[in-house]
């Protein structure tokens, strides 16, 4: 397994985070998995949106904040939040993602919880709500993801919580943000890692 992994080092808020990832994500493609649920190994790439959000979140003072990462992939964002002092629960629907995230956390001397969760059955996430901080990067690559997230996100925080979503400019992002803008106040900022996209900070409307 280790021969199939490579390490990438990402600078985050003055600290280097070392992330193992599969050498060849395409080699993980499975016709059976795709036939079952159109599953593709997107988790195995280190996407620019994750780097952008990790650098923003990693620079914040998060000591003790209960933080949830959705669609964590390799876990860079969750690792950055943990390094900033947050109590992180990182989630993905791919079991291989969760297994590698646990290795990446240990590799960086960080502690977090990693759970395999499908947004179609998010009971454990809702039961633990409200979260103080919810993080997600590049999760709108398919329309069905936005369909699942739109009703879920308001259930994860209260009036004091916030959601940070990094998106590289996916086609689905505009309609999704317009839809949830009925529920959330949204602040948008640019990020050099995703020049065609942005990072969106959301809070429930009062």
N, C-alpha and C. Protein backbone atom coordinates (compact mmCIF):
# COMPACT_ATOMS: atom_id res chain seq x y z
N UNK A 1 0.83 -1.21 0.00
CA UNK A 1 0.00 0.00 0.00
C UNK A 1 0.86 1.25 0.00
N UNK A 2 1.91 1.29 0.83
CA UNK A 2 2.72 2.49 0.93
C UNK A 2 3.42 2.82 -0.37
N UNK A 3 3.73 1.80 -1.17
CA UNK A 3 4.36 2.06 -2.46
C UNK A 3 3.43 2.79 -3.40
N UNK A 4 2.14 2.74 -3.12
CA UNK A 4 1.15 3.40 -3.96
C UNK A 4 0.81 4.80 -3.46
N UNK A 5 1.51 5.27 -2.41
CA UNK A 5 1.24 6.58 -1.83
C UNK A 5 2.41 7.53 -2.06
N UNK A 6 2.08 8.80 -2.18
CA UNK A 6 3.10 9.85 -2.23
C UNK A 6 2.74 10.90 -1.18
N UNK A 7 3.73 11.66 -0.78
CA UNK A 7 3.52 12.70 0.22
C UNK A 7 3.54 14.08 -0.42
N UNK A 8 2.58 14.89 -0.04
CA UNK A 8 2.60 16.30 -0.41
C UNK A 8 2.68 17.11 0.88
N UNK A 9 3.49 18.15 0.85
CA UNK A 9 3.64 19.03 2.01
C UNK A 9 3.04 20.39 1.66
N UNK A 10 2.11 20.83 2.51
CA UNK A 10 1.39 22.08 2.25
C UNK A 10 1.66 23.04 3.41
N UNK A 11 2.09 24.23 3.08
CA UNK A 11 2.31 25.25 4.10
C UNK A 11 0.99 25.88 4.52
N UNK A 12 0.70 25.82 5.82
CA UNK A 12 -0.54 26.36 6.36
C UNK A 12 -0.24 27.17 7.60
N UNK A 13 -0.43 28.48 7.51
CA UNK A 13 -0.26 29.36 8.67
C UNK A 13 1.07 29.13 9.38
N UNK A 14 2.15 29.08 8.61
CA UNK A 14 3.49 28.95 9.19
C UNK A 14 3.87 27.55 9.60
N UNK A 15 3.02 26.58 9.26
CA UNK A 15 3.30 25.18 9.61
C UNK A 15 3.18 24.32 8.37
N UNK A 16 4.05 23.35 8.23
CA UNK A 16 3.97 22.40 7.13
C UNK A 16 3.11 21.20 7.55
N UNK A 17 2.11 20.91 6.75
CA UNK A 17 1.28 19.72 6.96
C UNK A 17 1.61 18.71 5.87
N UNK A 18 1.99 17.50 6.28
CA UNK A 18 2.36 16.44 5.35
C UNK A 18 1.15 15.54 5.11
N UNK A 19 0.77 15.41 3.84
CA UNK A 19 -0.42 14.65 3.50
C UNK A 19 -0.06 13.53 2.54
N UNK A 20 -0.34 12.31 2.95
CA UNK A 20 -0.21 11.16 2.05
C UNK A 20 -1.43 11.10 1.14
N UNK A 21 -1.19 10.79 -0.12
CA UNK A 21 -2.29 10.59 -1.07
C UNK A 21 -1.92 9.47 -2.03
N UNK A 22 -2.91 8.83 -2.65
CA UNK A 22 -2.61 7.81 -3.64
C UNK A 22 -1.80 8.38 -4.80
N UNK A 23 -0.84 7.62 -5.26
CA UNK A 23 0.00 8.08 -6.37
C UNK A 23 -0.82 8.28 -7.64
N UNK A 24 -1.77 7.40 -7.86
CA UNK A 24 -2.57 7.44 -9.09
C UNK A 24 -4.03 7.24 -8.72
N UNK A 25 -4.78 8.34 -8.62
CA UNK A 25 -6.18 8.25 -8.23
C UNK A 25 -6.99 7.44 -9.24
N UNK A 26 -6.65 7.53 -10.52
CA UNK A 26 -7.41 6.80 -11.53
C UNK A 26 -7.29 5.30 -11.36
N UNK A 27 -6.19 4.86 -10.74
CA UNK A 27 -6.02 3.42 -10.52
C UNK A 27 -7.04 2.88 -9.51
N UNK A 28 -7.69 3.78 -8.78
CA UNK A 28 -8.67 3.36 -7.78
C UNK A 28 -10.07 3.22 -8.36
N UNK A 29 -10.23 3.57 -9.64
CA UNK A 29 -11.54 3.46 -10.26
C UNK A 29 -12.03 2.01 -10.24
N UNK A 30 -13.29 1.84 -9.91
CA UNK A 30 -13.89 0.51 -9.84
C UNK A 30 -15.22 0.52 -10.58
N UNK A 31 -15.36 -0.34 -11.57
CA UNK A 31 -16.63 -0.41 -12.29
C UNK A 31 -17.76 -0.85 -11.38
N UNK A 32 -17.46 -1.74 -10.44
CA UNK A 32 -18.50 -2.21 -9.51
C UNK A 32 -18.99 -1.08 -8.62
N UNK A 33 -18.03 -0.29 -8.06
CA UNK A 33 -18.43 0.82 -7.19
C UNK A 33 -19.22 1.87 -7.96
N UNK A 34 -18.80 2.14 -9.20
CA UNK A 34 -19.52 3.13 -9.99
C UNK A 34 -20.93 2.64 -10.33
N UNK A 35 -21.04 1.37 -10.66
CA UNK A 35 -22.35 0.81 -10.98
C UNK A 35 -23.28 0.83 -9.78
N UNK A 36 -22.70 0.66 -8.59
CA UNK A 36 -23.52 0.63 -7.36
C UNK A 36 -24.06 2.00 -7.01
N UNK A 37 -23.21 3.02 -7.02
CA UNK A 37 -23.66 4.35 -6.57
C UNK A 37 -22.93 5.47 -7.31
N UNK A 38 -22.51 5.21 -8.53
CA UNK A 38 -21.76 6.19 -9.32
C UNK A 38 -20.57 6.73 -8.52
N UNK A 39 -19.94 5.84 -7.77
CA UNK A 39 -18.84 6.24 -6.89
C UNK A 39 -17.55 6.43 -7.69
N UNK A 40 -16.93 7.59 -7.54
CA UNK A 40 -15.63 7.88 -8.13
C UNK A 40 -14.69 8.33 -7.01
N UNK A 41 -13.40 8.00 -7.09
CA UNK A 41 -12.47 8.28 -5.98
C UNK A 41 -11.97 9.72 -5.95
N UNK A 42 -12.92 10.68 -5.90
CA UNK A 42 -12.52 12.08 -5.83
C UNK A 42 -11.72 12.37 -4.56
N UNK A 43 -11.95 11.57 -3.54
CA UNK A 43 -11.29 11.79 -2.25
C UNK A 43 -9.78 11.70 -2.36
N UNK A 44 -9.27 11.02 -3.38
CA UNK A 44 -7.85 10.69 -3.46
C UNK A 44 -6.98 11.82 -4.02
N UNK A 45 -7.59 12.93 -4.41
CA UNK A 45 -6.86 14.07 -4.95
C UNK A 45 -6.74 15.16 -3.89
N UNK A 46 -5.66 15.91 -3.93
CA UNK A 46 -5.53 17.09 -3.08
C UNK A 46 -5.97 18.29 -3.92
N UNK A 47 -7.20 18.72 -3.72
CA UNK A 47 -7.80 19.74 -4.57
C UNK A 47 -7.41 21.15 -4.12
N UNK A 48 -7.30 22.09 -5.06
CA UNK A 48 -6.93 23.47 -4.70
C UNK A 48 -7.88 24.11 -3.69
N UNK A 49 -9.16 23.78 -3.75
CA UNK A 49 -10.11 24.36 -2.78
C UNK A 49 -9.77 23.96 -1.36
N UNK A 50 -9.29 22.73 -1.18
CA UNK A 50 -8.90 22.29 0.16
C UNK A 50 -7.70 23.09 0.66
N UNK A 51 -6.74 23.32 -0.23
CA UNK A 51 -5.57 24.12 0.17
C UNK A 51 -6.00 25.53 0.54
N UNK A 52 -6.88 26.13 -0.27
CA UNK A 52 -7.34 27.48 0.00
C UNK A 52 -8.04 27.58 1.36
N UNK A 53 -8.97 26.65 1.61
CA UNK A 53 -9.72 26.71 2.87
C UNK A 53 -8.83 26.37 4.05
N UNK A 54 -7.92 25.43 3.89
CA UNK A 54 -7.01 25.07 4.98
C UNK A 54 -6.18 26.28 5.41
N UNK A 55 -5.73 27.06 4.45
CA UNK A 55 -4.89 28.22 4.80
C UNK A 55 -5.69 29.32 5.50
N UNK A 56 -6.94 29.49 5.12
CA UNK A 56 -7.77 30.48 5.80
C UNK A 56 -8.12 30.01 7.22
N UNK A 57 -8.56 28.77 7.34
CA UNK A 57 -8.98 28.23 8.63
C UNK A 57 -7.78 28.06 9.56
N UNK A 58 -6.65 27.62 9.01
CA UNK A 58 -5.47 27.39 9.82
C UNK A 58 -4.92 28.64 10.47
N UNK A 59 -5.28 29.80 9.92
CA UNK A 59 -4.79 31.07 10.48
C UNK A 59 -5.70 31.62 11.57
N UNK A 60 -6.79 30.94 11.84
CA UNK A 60 -7.74 31.41 12.86
C UNK A 60 -7.42 30.79 14.22
N UNK A 61 -7.90 31.45 15.26
CA UNK A 61 -7.76 30.91 16.62
C UNK A 61 -9.00 30.06 16.90
N UNK A 62 -8.84 28.75 16.92
CA UNK A 62 -9.99 27.84 17.02
C UNK A 62 -9.96 27.00 18.29
N UNK A 63 -9.24 27.42 19.27
CA UNK A 63 -9.05 26.60 20.46
C UNK A 63 -10.36 26.07 21.02
N UNK A 64 -10.51 24.75 21.01
CA UNK A 64 -11.65 24.09 21.61
C UNK A 64 -12.94 24.12 20.80
N UNK A 65 -12.96 24.73 19.63
CA UNK A 65 -14.21 24.84 18.87
C UNK A 65 -14.59 23.49 18.26
N UNK A 66 -15.84 23.10 18.47
CA UNK A 66 -16.36 21.86 17.88
C UNK A 66 -16.55 22.06 16.40
N UNK A 67 -15.78 21.33 15.62
CA UNK A 67 -15.69 21.57 14.18
C UNK A 67 -15.98 20.30 13.41
N UNK A 68 -16.79 20.43 12.36
CA UNK A 68 -17.16 19.33 11.49
C UNK A 68 -16.68 19.61 10.08
N UNK A 69 -15.97 18.64 9.50
CA UNK A 69 -15.63 18.75 8.08
C UNK A 69 -16.47 17.76 7.29
N UNK A 70 -17.09 18.25 6.23
CA UNK A 70 -17.91 17.43 5.34
C UNK A 70 -17.13 17.12 4.08
N UNK A 71 -17.15 15.86 3.65
CA UNK A 71 -16.43 15.49 2.44
C UNK A 71 -14.95 15.76 2.55
N UNK A 72 -14.33 15.20 3.58
CA UNK A 72 -12.96 15.60 3.94
C UNK A 72 -11.89 15.13 2.97
N UNK A 73 -12.16 14.06 2.20
CA UNK A 73 -11.13 13.58 1.29
C UNK A 73 -9.86 13.19 2.03
N UNK A 74 -8.75 13.81 1.68
CA UNK A 74 -7.48 13.51 2.34
C UNK A 74 -7.36 14.19 3.70
N UNK A 75 -8.28 15.12 4.00
CA UNK A 75 -8.35 15.68 5.33
C UNK A 75 -7.51 16.90 5.61
N UNK A 76 -6.99 17.57 4.57
CA UNK A 76 -6.13 18.72 4.80
C UNK A 76 -6.83 19.81 5.60
N UNK A 77 -8.08 20.09 5.29
CA UNK A 77 -8.80 21.15 5.99
C UNK A 77 -9.00 20.80 7.46
N UNK A 78 -9.41 19.57 7.72
CA UNK A 78 -9.57 19.14 9.10
C UNK A 78 -8.27 19.16 9.86
N UNK A 79 -7.18 18.78 9.21
CA UNK A 79 -5.86 18.83 9.86
C UNK A 79 -5.48 20.26 10.19
N UNK A 80 -5.76 21.19 9.28
CA UNK A 80 -5.45 22.60 9.54
C UNK A 80 -6.26 23.13 10.71
N UNK A 81 -7.54 22.74 10.78
CA UNK A 81 -8.38 23.17 11.90
C UNK A 81 -7.87 22.58 13.21
N UNK A 82 -7.48 21.32 13.20
CA UNK A 82 -6.95 20.69 14.41
C UNK A 82 -5.66 21.37 14.85
N UNK A 83 -4.81 21.73 13.89
CA UNK A 83 -3.56 22.41 14.21
C UNK A 83 -3.83 23.78 14.82
N UNK A 84 -4.98 24.38 14.46
CA UNK A 84 -5.36 25.68 15.00
C UNK A 84 -6.08 25.55 16.34
N UNK A 85 -6.23 24.31 16.84
CA UNK A 85 -6.79 24.10 18.17
C UNK A 85 -8.22 23.59 18.22
N UNK A 86 -8.85 23.38 17.05
CA UNK A 86 -10.24 22.92 17.04
C UNK A 86 -10.35 21.46 17.44
N UNK A 87 -11.52 21.08 17.92
CA UNK A 87 -11.87 19.68 18.17
C UNK A 87 -12.61 19.20 16.93
N UNK A 88 -11.95 18.45 16.10
CA UNK A 88 -12.41 18.18 14.74
C UNK A 88 -13.01 16.78 14.61
N UNK A 89 -14.16 16.73 13.95
CA UNK A 89 -14.71 15.49 13.43
C UNK A 89 -14.74 15.64 11.91
N UNK A 90 -13.96 14.81 11.22
CA UNK A 90 -13.88 14.87 9.77
C UNK A 90 -14.62 13.68 9.18
N UNK A 91 -15.42 13.93 8.15
CA UNK A 91 -16.27 12.88 7.60
C UNK A 91 -16.15 12.79 6.08
N UNK A 92 -16.33 11.57 5.58
CA UNK A 92 -16.40 11.33 4.14
C UNK A 92 -17.20 10.05 3.95
N UNK A 93 -17.72 9.86 2.75
CA UNK A 93 -18.48 8.62 2.53
C UNK A 93 -17.60 7.49 2.01
N UNK A 94 -16.32 7.76 1.76
CA UNK A 94 -15.40 6.75 1.26
C UNK A 94 -14.58 6.17 2.41
N UNK A 95 -14.72 4.90 2.73
CA UNK A 95 -13.95 4.31 3.84
C UNK A 95 -12.44 4.45 3.67
N UNK A 96 -11.94 4.39 2.43
CA UNK A 96 -10.50 4.53 2.21
C UNK A 96 -10.03 5.93 2.57
N UNK A 97 -10.88 6.92 2.35
CA UNK A 97 -10.56 8.29 2.75
C UNK A 97 -10.35 8.37 4.26
N UNK A 98 -11.26 7.78 5.01
CA UNK A 98 -11.19 7.84 6.47
C UNK A 98 -9.95 7.13 6.97
N UNK A 99 -9.62 5.99 6.40
CA UNK A 99 -8.44 5.24 6.83
C UNK A 99 -7.17 6.04 6.58
N UNK A 100 -7.08 6.70 5.44
CA UNK A 100 -5.88 7.47 5.13
C UNK A 100 -5.83 8.75 5.95
N UNK A 101 -6.98 9.35 6.23
CA UNK A 101 -6.99 10.54 7.07
C UNK A 101 -6.43 10.23 8.46
N UNK A 102 -6.79 9.09 9.01
CA UNK A 102 -6.27 8.74 10.33
C UNK A 102 -4.74 8.63 10.29
N UNK A 103 -4.21 8.11 9.20
CA UNK A 103 -2.75 8.05 9.05
C UNK A 103 -2.16 9.46 8.91
N UNK A 104 -2.85 10.30 8.16
CA UNK A 104 -2.34 11.66 7.98
C UNK A 104 -2.36 12.46 9.28
N UNK A 105 -3.37 12.23 10.09
CA UNK A 105 -3.42 12.91 11.39
C UNK A 105 -2.24 12.47 12.26
N UNK A 106 -2.00 11.16 12.33
CA UNK A 106 -0.88 10.66 13.13
C UNK A 106 0.45 11.16 12.57
N UNK A 107 0.54 11.25 11.26
CA UNK A 107 1.79 11.69 10.62
C UNK A 107 2.14 13.12 11.03
N UNK A 108 1.11 13.91 11.30
CA UNK A 108 1.33 15.31 11.67
C UNK A 108 1.22 15.56 13.18
N UNK A 109 1.09 14.49 13.96
CA UNK A 109 0.99 14.64 15.40
C UNK A 109 -0.27 15.35 15.85
N UNK A 110 -1.37 15.14 15.11
CA UNK A 110 -2.63 15.81 15.40
C UNK A 110 -3.69 14.80 15.78
N UNK A 111 -4.66 15.25 16.56
CA UNK A 111 -5.75 14.39 17.00
C UNK A 111 -7.06 14.89 16.42
N UNK A 112 -7.80 13.99 15.79
CA UNK A 112 -9.14 14.31 15.32
C UNK A 112 -9.95 13.02 15.23
N UNK A 113 -11.24 13.16 15.10
CA UNK A 113 -12.13 12.01 14.92
C UNK A 113 -12.45 11.91 13.43
N UNK A 114 -12.42 10.70 12.89
CA UNK A 114 -12.72 10.48 11.48
C UNK A 114 -13.86 9.49 11.37
N UNK A 115 -14.93 9.88 10.66
CA UNK A 115 -16.12 9.05 10.55
C UNK A 115 -16.53 8.90 9.09
N UNK A 116 -17.00 7.71 8.74
CA UNK A 116 -17.55 7.45 7.41
C UNK A 116 -19.05 7.75 7.48
N UNK A 117 -19.48 8.80 6.77
CA UNK A 117 -20.87 9.25 6.84
C UNK A 117 -21.36 9.59 5.43
N UNK A 118 -22.55 9.12 5.10
CA UNK A 118 -23.21 9.46 3.85
C UNK A 118 -24.21 10.57 4.14
N UNK A 119 -24.20 11.63 3.34
CA UNK A 119 -25.11 12.75 3.58
C UNK A 119 -26.57 12.34 3.44
N UNK A 120 -26.82 11.24 2.77
CA UNK A 120 -28.19 10.75 2.66
C UNK A 120 -28.68 10.17 3.99
N UNK A 121 -27.74 9.81 4.87
CA UNK A 121 -28.08 9.27 6.20
C UNK A 121 -27.19 9.96 7.23
N UNK A 122 -27.43 11.26 7.47
CA UNK A 122 -26.51 12.05 8.30
C UNK A 122 -26.88 12.09 9.77
N UNK A 123 -27.60 11.06 10.24
CA UNK A 123 -28.14 11.11 11.60
C UNK A 123 -27.13 11.47 12.66
N UNK A 124 -25.94 10.86 12.62
CA UNK A 124 -24.95 11.10 13.66
C UNK A 124 -24.51 12.56 13.67
N UNK A 125 -24.48 13.20 12.51
CA UNK A 125 -24.06 14.60 12.44
C UNK A 125 -25.12 15.52 13.04
N UNK A 126 -26.38 15.22 12.75
CA UNK A 126 -27.47 16.03 13.27
C UNK A 126 -27.62 15.83 14.77
N UNK A 127 -27.44 14.59 15.23
CA UNK A 127 -27.56 14.30 16.66
C UNK A 127 -26.53 15.06 17.47
N UNK A 128 -25.36 15.30 16.90
CA UNK A 128 -24.30 16.01 17.61
C UNK A 128 -24.37 17.52 17.45
N UNK A 129 -25.27 17.98 16.62
CA UNK A 129 -25.42 19.42 16.40
C UNK A 129 -25.97 20.09 17.66
N UNK A 130 -25.73 21.41 17.82
CA UNK A 130 -25.10 22.28 16.83
C UNK A 130 -23.58 22.24 16.89
N UNK A 131 -22.96 22.29 15.71
CA UNK A 131 -21.52 22.44 15.60
C UNK A 131 -21.18 23.92 15.57
N UNK A 132 -20.05 24.26 16.13
CA UNK A 132 -19.64 25.67 16.12
C UNK A 132 -19.11 26.09 14.76
N UNK A 133 -18.50 25.14 14.07
CA UNK A 133 -17.89 25.44 12.77
C UNK A 133 -18.05 24.23 11.86
N UNK A 134 -18.53 24.47 10.64
CA UNK A 134 -18.68 23.41 9.64
C UNK A 134 -17.86 23.81 8.41
N UNK A 135 -17.05 22.88 7.92
CA UNK A 135 -16.13 23.17 6.82
C UNK A 135 -16.39 22.21 5.66
N UNK A 136 -16.26 22.72 4.44
CA UNK A 136 -16.39 21.87 3.25
C UNK A 136 -15.64 22.52 2.09
N UNK A 137 -14.95 21.70 1.31
CA UNK A 137 -14.21 22.23 0.16
C UNK A 137 -14.48 21.39 -1.07
N UNK A 138 -14.88 22.06 -2.14
CA UNK A 138 -15.12 21.44 -3.45
C UNK A 138 -16.05 20.23 -3.34
N UNK A 139 -17.21 20.45 -2.75
CA UNK A 139 -18.18 19.36 -2.59
C UNK A 139 -19.35 19.46 -3.56
N UNK A 140 -19.35 20.47 -4.43
CA UNK A 140 -20.49 20.69 -5.33
C UNK A 140 -20.18 20.24 -6.75
N UNK A 141 -19.37 19.20 -6.87
CA UNK A 141 -18.99 18.72 -8.19
C UNK A 141 -20.10 17.93 -8.87
N UNK A 142 -21.13 17.55 -8.12
CA UNK A 142 -22.29 16.89 -8.69
C UNK A 142 -23.55 17.54 -8.12
N UNK A 143 -24.58 17.62 -8.95
CA UNK A 143 -25.82 18.26 -8.53
C UNK A 143 -26.43 17.58 -7.30
N UNK A 144 -26.31 16.26 -7.24
CA UNK A 144 -26.93 15.53 -6.12
C UNK A 144 -26.31 15.92 -4.78
N UNK A 145 -25.05 16.37 -4.79
CA UNK A 145 -24.44 16.80 -3.54
C UNK A 145 -25.11 18.06 -3.00
N UNK A 146 -25.39 19.01 -3.88
CA UNK A 146 -26.09 20.21 -3.45
C UNK A 146 -27.49 19.91 -2.97
N UNK A 147 -28.15 18.96 -3.63
CA UNK A 147 -29.50 18.55 -3.22
C UNK A 147 -29.48 18.00 -1.80
N UNK A 148 -28.45 17.23 -1.46
CA UNK A 148 -28.35 16.66 -0.12
C UNK A 148 -27.93 17.70 0.92
N UNK A 149 -27.03 18.61 0.52
CA UNK A 149 -26.48 19.57 1.48
C UNK A 149 -27.45 20.70 1.83
N UNK A 150 -28.25 21.14 0.88
CA UNK A 150 -29.11 22.30 1.12
C UNK A 150 -30.00 22.13 2.35
N UNK A 151 -30.69 21.00 2.52
CA UNK A 151 -31.50 20.85 3.73
C UNK A 151 -30.70 20.45 4.97
N UNK A 152 -29.49 19.91 4.74
CA UNK A 152 -28.70 19.43 5.88
C UNK A 152 -27.98 20.57 6.60
N UNK A 153 -27.40 21.50 5.87
CA UNK A 153 -26.56 22.51 6.50
C UNK A 153 -27.28 23.31 7.59
N UNK A 154 -28.53 23.76 7.39
CA UNK A 154 -29.18 24.52 8.47
C UNK A 154 -29.39 23.71 9.75
N UNK A 155 -29.35 22.39 9.64
CA UNK A 155 -29.56 21.54 10.81
C UNK A 155 -28.27 21.32 11.61
N UNK A 156 -27.15 21.77 11.07
CA UNK A 156 -25.87 21.48 11.70
C UNK A 156 -25.37 22.59 12.61
N UNK A 157 -25.90 23.80 12.48
CA UNK A 157 -25.44 24.92 13.30
C UNK A 157 -26.63 25.65 13.90
N UNK A 158 -26.33 26.53 14.87
CA UNK A 158 -27.34 27.42 15.41
C UNK A 158 -26.93 28.85 15.09
N UNK A 159 -27.56 29.82 15.75
CA UNK A 159 -27.30 31.22 15.42
C UNK A 159 -25.87 31.65 15.69
N UNK A 160 -25.15 30.90 16.51
CA UNK A 160 -23.76 31.25 16.82
C UNK A 160 -22.76 30.56 15.91
N UNK A 161 -23.21 29.57 15.16
CA UNK A 161 -22.30 28.79 14.33
C UNK A 161 -22.07 29.40 12.96
N UNK A 162 -21.10 28.87 12.26
CA UNK A 162 -20.81 29.34 10.91
C UNK A 162 -20.32 28.18 10.05
N UNK A 163 -20.54 28.33 8.76
CA UNK A 163 -20.14 27.34 7.76
C UNK A 163 -19.20 28.02 6.77
N UNK A 164 -18.08 27.35 6.48
CA UNK A 164 -17.14 27.85 5.49
C UNK A 164 -17.09 26.85 4.34
N UNK A 165 -17.39 27.32 3.15
CA UNK A 165 -17.43 26.47 1.96
C UNK A 165 -16.50 27.05 0.90
N UNK A 166 -15.52 26.28 0.47
CA UNK A 166 -14.64 26.69 -0.61
C UNK A 166 -15.06 25.98 -1.89
N UNK A 167 -15.19 26.75 -2.97
CA UNK A 167 -15.60 26.16 -4.24
C UNK A 167 -14.77 26.79 -5.36
N UNK A 168 -14.29 25.96 -6.31
CA UNK A 168 -13.41 26.48 -7.36
C UNK A 168 -14.14 27.10 -8.54
N UNK A 169 -15.47 27.21 -8.44
CA UNK A 169 -16.25 27.74 -9.54
C UNK A 169 -17.03 26.68 -10.29
N UNK A 170 -17.44 25.64 -9.58
CA UNK A 170 -18.24 24.58 -10.19
C UNK A 170 -19.57 25.13 -10.71
N UNK A 171 -20.08 24.52 -11.76
CA UNK A 171 -21.34 24.96 -12.36
C UNK A 171 -22.49 24.92 -11.36
N UNK A 172 -22.45 23.96 -10.44
CA UNK A 172 -23.54 23.80 -9.48
C UNK A 172 -23.48 24.82 -8.34
N UNK A 173 -22.36 25.52 -8.19
CA UNK A 173 -22.20 26.39 -7.03
C UNK A 173 -23.18 27.56 -7.04
N UNK A 174 -23.35 28.21 -8.20
CA UNK A 174 -24.24 29.37 -8.26
C UNK A 174 -25.66 29.05 -7.84
N UNK A 175 -26.30 28.06 -8.47
CA UNK A 175 -27.66 27.71 -8.05
C UNK A 175 -27.76 27.27 -6.59
N UNK A 176 -26.73 26.57 -6.12
CA UNK A 176 -26.74 26.12 -4.72
C UNK A 176 -26.70 27.32 -3.77
N UNK A 177 -25.80 28.25 -4.02
CA UNK A 177 -25.67 29.41 -3.14
C UNK A 177 -26.92 30.28 -3.19
N UNK A 178 -27.52 30.38 -4.36
CA UNK A 178 -28.77 31.15 -4.47
C UNK A 178 -29.87 30.50 -3.63
N UNK A 179 -29.92 29.19 -3.68
CA UNK A 179 -30.96 28.46 -2.93
C UNK A 179 -30.77 28.61 -1.42
N UNK A 180 -29.55 28.39 -0.94
CA UNK A 180 -29.36 28.46 0.51
C UNK A 180 -29.25 29.91 1.00
N UNK A 181 -29.13 30.85 0.07
CA UNK A 181 -29.14 32.25 0.47
C UNK A 181 -30.45 32.70 1.08
N UNK A 182 -31.50 31.87 0.90
CA UNK A 182 -32.77 32.16 1.55
C UNK A 182 -32.70 31.88 3.05
N UNK A 183 -31.73 31.09 3.46
CA UNK A 183 -31.60 30.67 4.86
C UNK A 183 -30.38 31.29 5.53
N UNK A 184 -29.31 31.50 4.75
CA UNK A 184 -28.04 31.97 5.29
C UNK A 184 -27.68 33.37 4.77
N UNK A 185 -27.02 34.13 5.63
CA UNK A 185 -26.27 35.30 5.18
C UNK A 185 -24.92 34.79 4.70
N UNK A 186 -24.49 35.21 3.51
CA UNK A 186 -23.28 34.67 2.91
C UNK A 186 -22.29 35.79 2.62
N UNK A 187 -21.08 35.64 3.16
CA UNK A 187 -19.97 36.54 2.85
C UNK A 187 -19.00 35.78 1.95
N UNK A 188 -18.55 36.41 0.90
CA UNK A 188 -17.69 35.74 -0.07
C UNK A 188 -16.35 36.44 -0.17
N UNK A 189 -15.29 35.65 -0.21
CA UNK A 189 -13.94 36.19 -0.37
C UNK A 189 -13.19 35.40 -1.42
N UNK A 190 -12.28 36.06 -2.09
CA UNK A 190 -11.47 35.38 -3.10
C UNK A 190 -10.31 34.66 -2.42
N UNK A 191 -9.70 33.75 -3.17
CA UNK A 191 -8.53 33.01 -2.69
C UNK A 191 -7.62 32.75 -3.88
N UNK A 192 -6.32 32.97 -3.76
CA UNK A 192 -5.43 32.81 -4.91
C UNK A 192 -5.37 31.38 -5.45
N UNK A 193 -5.63 30.40 -4.58
CA UNK A 193 -5.56 29.00 -5.02
C UNK A 193 -6.71 28.62 -5.96
N UNK A 194 -7.81 29.37 -5.89
CA UNK A 194 -8.99 29.07 -6.71
C UNK A 194 -9.45 30.36 -7.40
N UNK A 195 -8.70 30.83 -8.39
CA UNK A 195 -8.98 32.14 -9.00
C UNK A 195 -10.35 32.24 -9.65
N UNK A 196 -10.94 31.13 -10.07
CA UNK A 196 -12.27 31.16 -10.66
C UNK A 196 -13.36 30.91 -9.63
N UNK A 197 -12.97 30.70 -8.39
CA UNK A 197 -13.94 30.38 -7.35
C UNK A 197 -13.84 31.33 -6.17
N UNK A 198 -14.22 30.85 -5.00
CA UNK A 198 -14.23 31.70 -3.81
C UNK A 198 -14.46 30.85 -2.57
N UNK A 199 -14.27 31.48 -1.42
CA UNK A 199 -14.60 30.89 -0.13
C UNK A 199 -15.81 31.64 0.42
N UNK A 200 -16.81 30.90 0.82
CA UNK A 200 -18.08 31.49 1.28
C UNK A 200 -18.27 31.19 2.77
N UNK A 201 -18.50 32.23 3.53
CA UNK A 201 -18.75 32.11 4.96
C UNK A 201 -20.24 32.34 5.20
N UNK A 202 -20.89 31.38 5.85
CA UNK A 202 -22.34 31.42 5.98
C UNK A 202 -22.78 31.38 7.44
N UNK A 203 -23.77 32.20 7.74
CA UNK A 203 -24.41 32.18 9.06
C UNK A 203 -25.91 32.21 8.86
N UNK A 204 -26.63 31.56 9.78
CA UNK A 204 -28.09 31.54 9.67
C UNK A 204 -28.65 32.95 9.77
N UNK A 205 -29.62 33.25 8.92
CA UNK A 205 -30.31 34.54 8.98
C UNK A 205 -31.06 34.65 10.29
N UNK A 206 -31.07 35.85 10.86
CA UNK A 206 -31.78 36.06 12.12
C UNK A 206 -33.10 36.79 11.87
